[in-house]
Protein backbone atom coordinates (compact mmCIF):
# COMPACT_ATOMS: atom_id res chain seq x y z
CA UNK A 1 -21.24 12.04 -15.04
CA UNK A 2 -23.90 10.79 -12.61
CA UNK A 3 -26.84 8.71 -13.76
CA UNK A 4 -29.58 6.82 -11.97
CA UNK A 5 -30.76 3.32 -12.82
CA UNK A 6 -33.39 4.38 -15.37
CA UNK A 7 -31.23 7.05 -17.01
CA UNK A 8 -28.13 4.98 -17.69
CA UNK A 9 -27.37 3.73 -21.19
CA UNK A 10 -27.71 -0.02 -21.56
CA UNK A 11 -24.49 -0.64 -23.47
CA UNK A 12 -20.88 0.33 -22.80
CA UNK A 13 -17.53 -0.71 -24.16
CA UNK A 14 -15.99 -0.99 -20.69
CA UNK A 15 -17.87 -1.40 -17.42
CA UNK A 16 -15.84 -0.81 -14.25
CA UNK A 17 -17.20 -2.10 -10.96
CA UNK A 18 -15.94 -0.15 -7.97
CA UNK A 19 -15.27 3.60 -7.76
CA UNK A 20 -12.17 3.56 -5.59
CA UNK A 21 -8.73 4.65 -6.83
CA UNK A 22 -8.21 1.46 -8.87
CA UNK A 23 -11.61 1.63 -10.53
CA UNK A 24 -11.44 5.34 -11.32
CA UNK A 25 -7.95 4.96 -12.78
CA UNK A 26 -9.10 2.01 -14.89
CA UNK A 27 -12.04 4.05 -16.17
CA UNK A 28 -9.82 6.98 -17.06
CA UNK A 29 -7.38 4.87 -19.03
CA UNK A 30 -10.13 3.11 -20.98
CA UNK A 31 -11.88 6.40 -21.72
CA UNK A 32 -8.66 8.00 -22.90
CA UNK A 33 -8.37 5.10 -25.34
CA UNK A 34 -11.70 6.13 -26.85
CA UNK A 35 -13.94 3.63 -25.07
CA UNK A 36 -17.47 4.29 -23.80
CA UNK A 37 -17.00 3.74 -20.07
CA UNK A 38 -19.26 3.46 -17.04
CA UNK A 39 -18.28 3.03 -13.40
CA UNK A 40 -20.76 1.19 -11.19
CA UNK A 41 -20.50 1.94 -7.47
CA UNK A 42 -22.55 0.21 -4.77
CA UNK A 43 -22.39 3.18 -2.40
CA UNK A 44 -24.18 6.53 -2.79
CA UNK A 45 -20.88 8.30 -3.51
CA UNK A 46 -17.50 7.24 -4.94
CA UNK A 47 -14.16 6.61 -3.26
CA UNK A 48 -15.39 6.66 0.33
CA UNK A 49 -12.44 4.75 1.73
CA UNK A 50 -10.07 7.00 -0.21
CA UNK A 51 -11.73 10.05 1.35
CA UNK A 52 -11.52 8.52 4.82
CA UNK A 53 -7.81 7.81 4.34
CA UNK A 54 -7.31 11.46 3.43
CA UNK A 55 -8.87 12.84 6.60
CA UNK A 56 -5.60 12.59 8.49
CA UNK A 57 -3.46 13.61 5.51
CA UNK A 58 -3.54 11.77 2.20
CA UNK A 59 -0.31 9.79 1.88
CA UNK A 60 -0.25 9.28 -1.90
CA UNK A 61 3.07 7.51 -2.33
CA UNK A 62 6.62 7.18 -1.02
CA UNK A 63 9.54 8.92 -2.71
CA UNK A 64 11.89 5.94 -3.07
CA UNK A 65 13.93 4.32 -5.79
CA UNK A 66 12.00 1.56 -7.59
CA UNK A 67 13.84 -1.41 -6.10
CA UNK A 68 13.51 -0.08 -2.55
CA UNK A 69 9.84 0.70 -3.14
CA UNK A 70 9.09 -2.81 -4.42
CA UNK A 71 10.57 -4.50 -1.36
CA UNK A 72 7.54 -3.49 0.70
CA UNK A 73 5.20 -5.68 -1.38
CA UNK A 74 4.69 -9.42 -0.98
CA UNK A 75 3.85 -10.10 -4.65
CA UNK A 76 6.92 -8.50 -6.15
CA UNK A 77 7.19 -10.65 -9.29
CA UNK A 78 3.58 -9.94 -10.29
CA UNK A 79 3.58 -6.26 -9.37
CA UNK A 80 7.04 -5.31 -10.63
CA UNK A 81 6.11 -4.67 -14.30
CA UNK A 82 2.98 -2.78 -13.21
CA UNK A 83 4.73 -0.57 -10.66
CA UNK A 84 7.70 -0.07 -12.97
CA UNK A 85 5.37 1.75 -15.35
CA UNK A 86 3.47 3.65 -12.67
CA UNK A 87 5.41 4.18 -9.47
CA UNK A 88 6.05 7.08 -7.08
CA UNK A 89 7.16 9.56 -9.75
CA UNK A 90 4.10 8.86 -11.85
CA UNK A 91 1.75 9.18 -8.85
CA UNK A 92 3.24 12.61 -8.15
CA UNK A 93 2.74 13.58 -11.79
CA UNK A 94 -0.84 12.30 -11.65
CA UNK A 95 -1.67 14.47 -8.62
CA UNK A 96 0.01 17.52 -10.09
CA UNK A 97 -1.87 16.94 -13.34
CA UNK A 98 -5.07 17.32 -11.35
CA UNK A 99 -3.86 20.68 -10.04
CA UNK A 100 -2.82 19.30 -6.64
CA UNK A 101 0.58 20.41 -5.42
CA UNK A 102 2.44 17.86 -3.33
CA UNK A 103 5.30 17.85 -0.85
CA UNK A 104 7.65 15.16 0.42
CA UNK A 105 8.01 14.77 4.17
CA UNK A 106 11.19 13.96 6.06
CA UNK A 107 10.48 10.21 5.82
CA UNK A 108 9.89 10.31 2.07
CA UNK A 109 6.11 10.16 2.27
CA UNK A 110 4.36 12.27 -0.33
CA UNK A 111 1.24 14.29 0.50
CA UNK A 112 -0.94 16.85 -1.26
CA UNK A 113 -0.07 20.29 0.08
CA UNK A 114 -3.71 20.70 1.13
CA UNK A 115 -3.44 17.41 3.09
CA UNK A 116 -6.90 16.23 1.99
CA UNK A 117 -8.31 13.74 -0.50
CA UNK A 118 -11.45 15.69 -1.40
CA UNK A 119 -9.86 18.37 -3.65
CA UNK A 120 -8.00 15.71 -5.63
CA UNK A 121 -11.11 13.56 -5.95
CA UNK A 122 -13.26 16.48 -7.12
CA UNK A 123 -10.72 17.38 -9.79
CA UNK A 124 -10.45 13.74 -10.85
CA UNK A 125 -14.21 13.25 -11.15
CA UNK A 126 -14.43 16.43 -13.21
CA UNK A 127 -11.77 15.10 -15.57
CA UNK A 128 -13.59 11.77 -15.90
CA UNK A 129 -16.81 13.62 -16.62
CA UNK A 130 -15.07 15.53 -19.41
CA UNK A 131 -13.98 12.18 -20.86
CA UNK A 132 -17.59 11.03 -20.94
CA UNK A 133 -17.29 8.48 -18.12
CA UNK A 134 -20.69 7.65 -16.59
CA UNK A 135 -20.87 7.15 -12.81
CA UNK A 136 -23.68 4.83 -11.73
CA UNK A 137 -24.29 5.24 -8.00
CA UNK A 138 -26.06 2.63 -5.87
CA UNK A 139 -25.32 -0.08 -8.43
CA UNK A 140 -24.18 -3.23 -6.62
CA UNK A 141 -22.74 -5.93 -8.86
CA UNK A 142 -24.31 -9.32 -8.16
CA UNK A 143 -22.66 -11.40 -10.89
CA UNK A 144 -22.65 -14.07 -12.06
CA UNK A 145 -19.06 -14.10 -13.21
CA UNK A 146 -19.36 -15.49 -16.75
CA UNK A 147 -17.99 -14.72 -20.23
CA UNK A 148 -21.33 -13.13 -21.12
CA UNK A 149 -21.40 -9.42 -21.90
CA UNK A 150 -24.49 -8.70 -19.78
CA UNK A 151 -23.98 -8.02 -16.09
CA UNK A 152 -26.58 -7.72 -13.37
CA UNK A 153 -26.75 -4.97 -10.73
CA UNK A 154 -28.99 -4.35 -7.75
CA UNK A 155 -30.25 -0.76 -7.57
CA UNK A 156 -32.85 1.08 -5.47
CA UNK A 157 -35.27 0.50 -8.36
CA UNK A 158 -34.62 -3.19 -8.73
CA UNK A 159 -32.22 -5.35 -10.70
CA UNK A 160 -30.70 -3.74 -13.79
CA UNK A 161 -28.76 -5.53 -16.55
CA UNK A 162 -25.89 -3.62 -18.15
CA UNK A 163 -24.04 -4.72 -21.26
CA UNK A 164 -20.33 -4.16 -21.87
CA UNK A 165 -17.63 -5.61 -24.07
CA UNK A 166 -15.18 -5.75 -21.15
CA UNK A 167 -15.70 -5.85 -17.40
CA UNK A 168 -13.15 -4.51 -14.91
CA UNK A 169 -13.63 -5.55 -11.30
CA UNK A 170 -12.04 -3.19 -8.75
CA UNK A 171 -14.01 -4.25 -5.70
CA UNK A 172 -11.52 -3.65 -2.91
CA UNK A 173 -10.60 -5.93 -0.04
CA UNK A 174 -12.71 -6.89 2.95
CA UNK A 175 -12.15 -4.10 5.44
CA UNK A 176 -14.24 -1.05 6.33
CA UNK A 177 -17.52 -2.56 5.13
CA UNK A 178 -19.41 0.62 6.06
CA UNK A 179 -17.47 2.40 3.31
CA UNK A 180 -18.22 -0.25 0.70
CA UNK A 181 -15.16 -2.50 0.92
CA UNK A 182 -16.91 -5.59 2.30
CA UNK A 183 -15.43 -8.48 0.30
CA UNK A 184 -18.83 -9.83 -0.77
CA UNK A 185 -17.43 -10.24 -4.29
CA UNK A 186 -15.71 -13.39 -3.05
CA UNK A 187 -18.97 -15.34 -3.37
CA UNK A 188 -19.23 -14.75 -7.12
CA UNK A 189 -15.54 -15.43 -7.65
CA UNK A 190 -15.69 -18.66 -5.66
CA UNK A 191 -18.82 -19.74 -7.51
CA UNK A 192 -16.89 -19.33 -10.77
CA UNK A 193 -14.26 -21.74 -9.47
CA UNK A 194 -11.47 -19.17 -9.24
CA UNK A 195 -8.78 -19.45 -6.55
CA UNK A 196 -8.82 -16.97 -3.66
CA UNK A 197 -6.19 -16.61 -0.95
CA UNK A 198 -8.01 -16.18 2.40
CA UNK A 199 -8.55 -12.56 3.42
CA UNK A 200 -6.62 -11.44 6.49
CA UNK A 201 -6.51 -8.14 8.34
CA UNK A 202 -3.50 -6.02 7.34
CA UNK A 203 -2.34 -2.63 8.61
CA UNK A 204 -4.41 -3.21 11.69
CA UNK A 205 -4.02 -2.91 15.45
CA UNK A 206 -2.71 -5.88 17.41
CA UNK A 207 -4.22 -7.05 20.67
CA UNK A 208 -2.62 -7.00 24.09
CA UNK A 209 -4.14 -7.09 27.58
CA UNK A 210 -2.63 -4.28 29.67
CA UNK A 211 -2.43 -3.89 33.42
CA UNK A 212 -4.12 -0.93 35.12
CA UNK A 213 -0.67 0.70 35.17
CA UNK A 214 -1.01 1.45 31.43
CA UNK A 215 -4.47 3.04 31.43
CA UNK A 216 -3.21 6.65 31.63
CA UNK A 217 -1.17 6.03 28.46
CA UNK A 218 -3.94 4.80 26.16
CA UNK A 219 -3.80 6.85 22.98
CA UNK A 220 -0.20 7.95 23.58
CA UNK A 221 2.50 7.43 20.93
CA UNK A 222 5.68 5.50 21.57
CA UNK A 223 8.15 7.43 19.43
CA UNK A 224 11.59 6.63 18.02
CA UNK A 225 11.74 2.92 18.68
CA UNK A 226 12.94 -0.02 16.63
CA UNK A 227 10.78 -3.13 16.49
CA UNK A 228 12.00 -6.55 15.44
CA UNK A 229 9.80 -9.52 14.53
CA UNK A 230 11.46 -12.75 13.35
CA UNK A 231 14.49 -10.82 12.13
CA UNK A 232 12.51 -8.12 10.31
CA UNK A 233 12.99 -4.57 11.63
CA UNK A 234 10.84 -1.46 11.63
CA UNK A 235 11.90 1.90 13.03
CA UNK A 236 9.35 4.59 13.80
CA UNK A 237 6.48 4.90 16.25
CA UNK A 238 3.28 3.21 17.33
CA UNK A 239 0.36 4.04 19.62
CA UNK A 240 -0.74 2.30 22.80
CA UNK A 241 -4.47 1.60 22.67
CA UNK A 242 -6.95 0.19 25.13
CA UNK A 243 -6.90 -3.10 23.24
CA UNK A 244 -3.18 -3.24 22.34
CA UNK A 245 -0.99 -1.37 19.87
CA UNK A 246 -1.37 0.18 16.42
CA UNK A 247 0.47 2.50 14.06
CA UNK A 248 3.06 2.62 11.32
CA UNK A 249 5.87 0.71 13.03
CA UNK A 250 3.45 -2.12 13.80
CA UNK A 251 1.86 -2.13 10.33
CA UNK A 252 5.26 -2.38 8.64
CA UNK A 253 5.73 -5.78 10.32
CA UNK A 254 2.22 -7.01 9.65
CA UNK A 255 3.15 -10.02 7.53
CA UNK A 256 5.54 -11.31 10.19
CA UNK A 257 3.09 -10.56 13.01
CA UNK A 258 0.55 -12.83 11.36
CA UNK A 259 3.06 -15.65 11.84
CA UNK A 260 4.54 -14.88 15.24
CA UNK A 261 3.14 -12.92 18.20
CA UNK A 262 6.46 -11.78 19.67
CA UNK A 263 7.87 -8.27 19.13
CA UNK A 264 11.25 -7.14 20.41
CA UNK A 265 11.44 -3.43 21.23
CA UNK A 266 14.57 -1.30 21.26
CA UNK A 267 13.54 1.74 23.31
CA UNK A 268 16.77 3.60 22.56
CA UNK A 269 17.86 2.80 18.98
CA UNK A 270 20.01 5.94 18.98
CA UNK A 271 22.31 4.35 21.59
CA UNK A 272 24.57 1.40 20.88
CA UNK A 273 24.74 -1.44 23.39
CA UNK A 274 28.28 -0.40 24.30
CA UNK A 275 27.33 3.21 24.96
CA UNK A 276 24.26 2.22 26.98
CA UNK A 277 26.28 -0.28 29.02
CA UNK A 278 28.80 2.42 29.87
CA UNK A 279 26.02 4.85 30.85
CA UNK A 280 24.45 2.29 33.19
CA UNK A 281 27.81 1.35 34.69
CA UNK A 282 28.55 5.02 35.42
CA UNK A 283 25.12 5.75 36.87
CA UNK A 284 25.26 7.64 40.15
CA UNK A 285 24.23 5.52 43.16
CA UNK A 286 21.66 8.10 44.30
CA UNK A 287 20.10 8.42 40.83
CA UNK A 288 16.81 6.51 40.75
CA UNK A 289 16.16 4.19 37.81
CA UNK A 290 13.22 6.27 36.63
CA UNK A 291 15.25 9.46 36.76
CA UNK A 292 18.16 7.80 34.96
CA UNK A 293 15.89 6.55 32.18
CA UNK A 294 14.33 9.99 31.82
CA UNK A 295 17.44 12.16 31.93
CA UNK A 296 20.22 9.96 30.58
CA UNK A 297 18.51 7.48 28.25
CA UNK A 298 15.90 10.09 27.19
CA UNK A 299 12.87 7.85 27.66
CA UNK A 300 9.67 9.88 28.03
CA UNK A 301 6.86 8.94 30.42
CA UNK A 302 5.11 6.69 27.89
CA UNK A 303 8.27 4.79 27.05
CA UNK A 304 9.12 4.35 30.70
CA UNK A 305 5.63 3.10 31.50
CA UNK A 306 5.76 0.55 28.70
CA UNK A 307 9.26 -0.58 29.64
CA UNK A 308 8.18 -1.23 33.23
CA UNK A 309 5.01 -2.96 32.00
CA UNK A 310 7.01 -5.38 29.85
CA UNK A 311 9.86 -6.01 32.26
CA UNK A 312 8.80 -7.36 35.65
CA UNK A 313 10.64 -7.35 37.87
CA UNK A 314 12.94 -4.67 36.47
CA UNK A 315 16.53 -5.94 36.64
CA UNK A 316 19.08 -3.98 38.63
CA UNK A 317 22.27 -5.33 37.10
CA UNK A 318 23.89 -3.67 34.09
CA UNK A 319 23.42 -6.48 31.55
CA UNK A 320 19.82 -7.03 32.60
CA UNK A 321 19.02 -3.34 32.14
CA UNK A 322 20.73 -3.24 28.76
CA UNK A 323 18.61 -6.17 27.61
CA UNK A 324 15.43 -4.63 29.00
CA UNK A 325 16.00 -1.32 27.19
CA UNK A 326 17.37 -2.72 23.92
CA UNK A 327 15.32 -5.93 23.61
CA UNK A 328 12.10 -5.72 25.62
CA UNK A 329 9.65 -8.47 24.70
CA UNK A 330 6.09 -7.52 23.73
CA UNK A 331 3.81 -10.52 23.31
CA UNK A 332 0.65 -9.90 21.29
CA UNK A 333 -2.60 -11.84 21.03
CA UNK A 334 -3.53 -11.56 17.37
CA UNK A 335 -4.95 -8.79 15.25
CA UNK A 336 -8.02 -6.67 15.72
CA UNK A 337 -11.10 -7.60 13.61
CA UNK A 338 -10.74 -7.38 9.84
CA UNK A 339 -13.35 -4.64 9.58
CA UNK A 340 -11.05 -2.37 11.62
CA UNK A 341 -8.13 -2.97 9.25
CA UNK A 342 -6.87 -0.29 6.89
CA UNK A 343 -6.37 -2.97 4.24
CA UNK A 344 -6.47 -6.72 3.77
CA UNK A 345 -4.00 -9.35 2.67
CA UNK A 346 -5.17 -12.17 0.43
CA UNK A 347 -7.61 -12.00 -2.45
CA UNK A 348 -7.92 -13.26 -6.00
CA UNK A 349 -4.91 -15.42 -6.81
CA UNK A 350 -2.45 -14.23 -9.45
CA UNK A 351 -2.63 -17.75 -10.89
CA UNK A 352 -6.12 -16.93 -12.17
CA UNK A 353 -4.87 -13.92 -14.15
CA UNK A 354 -2.92 -13.27 -17.30
CA UNK A 355 -0.09 -10.74 -17.30
CA UNK A 356 -2.71 -8.21 -18.49
CA UNK A 357 -4.80 -8.83 -15.31
CA UNK A 358 -7.50 -10.62 -17.33
CA UNK A 359 -9.08 -13.77 -15.94
CA UNK A 360 -7.62 -16.73 -17.80
CA UNK A 361 -10.89 -18.65 -17.70
CA UNK A 362 -13.19 -15.71 -18.46
CA UNK A 363 -11.91 -13.58 -21.35
CA UNK A 364 -12.92 -9.95 -21.22
CA UNK A 365 -13.00 -9.75 -17.42
CA UNK A 366 -10.14 -7.87 -15.76
CA UNK A 367 -9.34 -7.28 -12.10
CA UNK A 368 -7.45 -4.56 -10.24
CA UNK A 369 -6.75 -3.01 -6.88
CA UNK A 370 -6.91 -4.47 -3.42
CA UNK A 371 -9.09 -7.43 -4.43
CA UNK A 372 -5.93 -8.99 -5.90
CA UNK A 373 -3.68 -11.09 -3.67
CA UNK A 374 -1.01 -8.60 -2.56
CA UNK A 375 -0.13 -6.86 0.66
CA UNK A 376 1.89 -3.79 1.65
CA UNK A 377 2.20 -1.50 4.67
CA UNK A 378 0.82 2.00 4.90
CA UNK A 379 3.08 4.82 3.81
CA UNK A 380 1.88 5.40 0.25
CA UNK A 381 2.36 1.84 -0.98
CA UNK A 382 -1.32 0.88 -0.91
CA UNK A 383 -2.65 3.80 -2.94
CA UNK A 384 0.19 3.60 -5.44
CA UNK A 385 -0.45 -0.08 -6.18
CA UNK A 386 -4.20 0.46 -6.47
CA UNK A 387 -3.66 3.27 -8.98
CA UNK A 388 -1.04 1.27 -10.88
CA UNK A 389 -3.09 -1.93 -11.20
CA UNK A 390 -6.17 0.09 -12.18
CA UNK A 391 -4.19 1.85 -14.89
CA UNK A 392 -2.82 -1.48 -16.14
CA UNK A 393 -6.25 -3.14 -16.26
CA UNK A 394 -7.89 -0.14 -17.94
CA UNK A 395 -5.33 -0.07 -20.71
CA UNK A 396 -5.46 -3.83 -21.12
CA UNK A 397 -9.26 -3.82 -21.40
CA UNK A 398 -9.12 -1.13 -24.10
CA UNK A 399 -6.42 -3.07 -25.99
CA UNK A 400 -8.50 -6.26 -25.69
CA UNK A 401 -11.55 -4.60 -27.24
CA UNK A 402 -9.51 -2.93 -29.97
CA UNK A 403 -7.90 -6.24 -30.92
CA UNK A 404 -11.26 -7.98 -30.84
CA UNK A 405 -12.75 -5.37 -33.17
CA UNK A 406 -9.96 -6.02 -35.68
CA UNK A 407 -10.23 -9.81 -35.60
């Protein structure tokens, strides 16, 4: 499957740029349709960001009904037909087809039983090799983005032109540049006059300056809380960091956090306001506030520290305490840098694409994956959409070439 610059054939039916999940899926679909396919990857090895995501347990998808699953995306109308054909059930079938057993956690998240990305990737690359897909490592696409069938790549041995009937761009977003997802493709796309929504950090930590009181709790999780931002809610946990906060409950509200810096925290979502009010009213006079919060409200040391950090001075009256516990205000100061983000919002506008993910102004060029303008939280949504759009583009490119051959 692997070829160097001087070994690679000069002509392919389909040339895929980017060897992440979207690009590999596009290559597989085109190859299964009988096309001669090559995947060009700028890095020395494929799917580096995918492998990094799998180090802490590869969350492939989320076991949810289609309508519930779609609600986590911000480009629902564009993604709905794509995810309707390849959603959570299909992702599970895809993994199992590669010999990777999966399990569904208590929150609906689906993981390989081995909890790693590398076994799945090895099996996938072997299957692509059997299909005749050529992997061109250290091939960085430099454009230009034109209707021409010849495409230029920078390699360790100089610039190499490759010819293909269809080009599929699966170049990722603009986060984790060290793994290959650096967003440099935007220059070629902009030069071609195509619209791009500005890239923004998504699924990323948010900044907050803490007092010295919080230093012992850096790296500690704040579990079982409900966050609210501009009416949108997220229940789960997040982590206190030296620079602010990060984690699933924060990421789920990313779109709203880019618009407003204020988060409301319910430290005891398991207790209604009425029950909590009664507990506070019946608190024993000799019971200290800290002891009451620990024993009665069940706030651990990290929760108590954060509550006291956000509420100064701590109220002593019943209604004030209820508000502090159920609606503490956490003000943030923007997101961490984009290169620290798990993913990015923004990208190539859907207006530039046909329903088949082909560029309207440049026939024969298709796009897929995170470089498109969509956003979703972590939890299996990102990988699923990358796989689904890659599959869609790969099939569309093969159909395009087949129709062209018949015309």
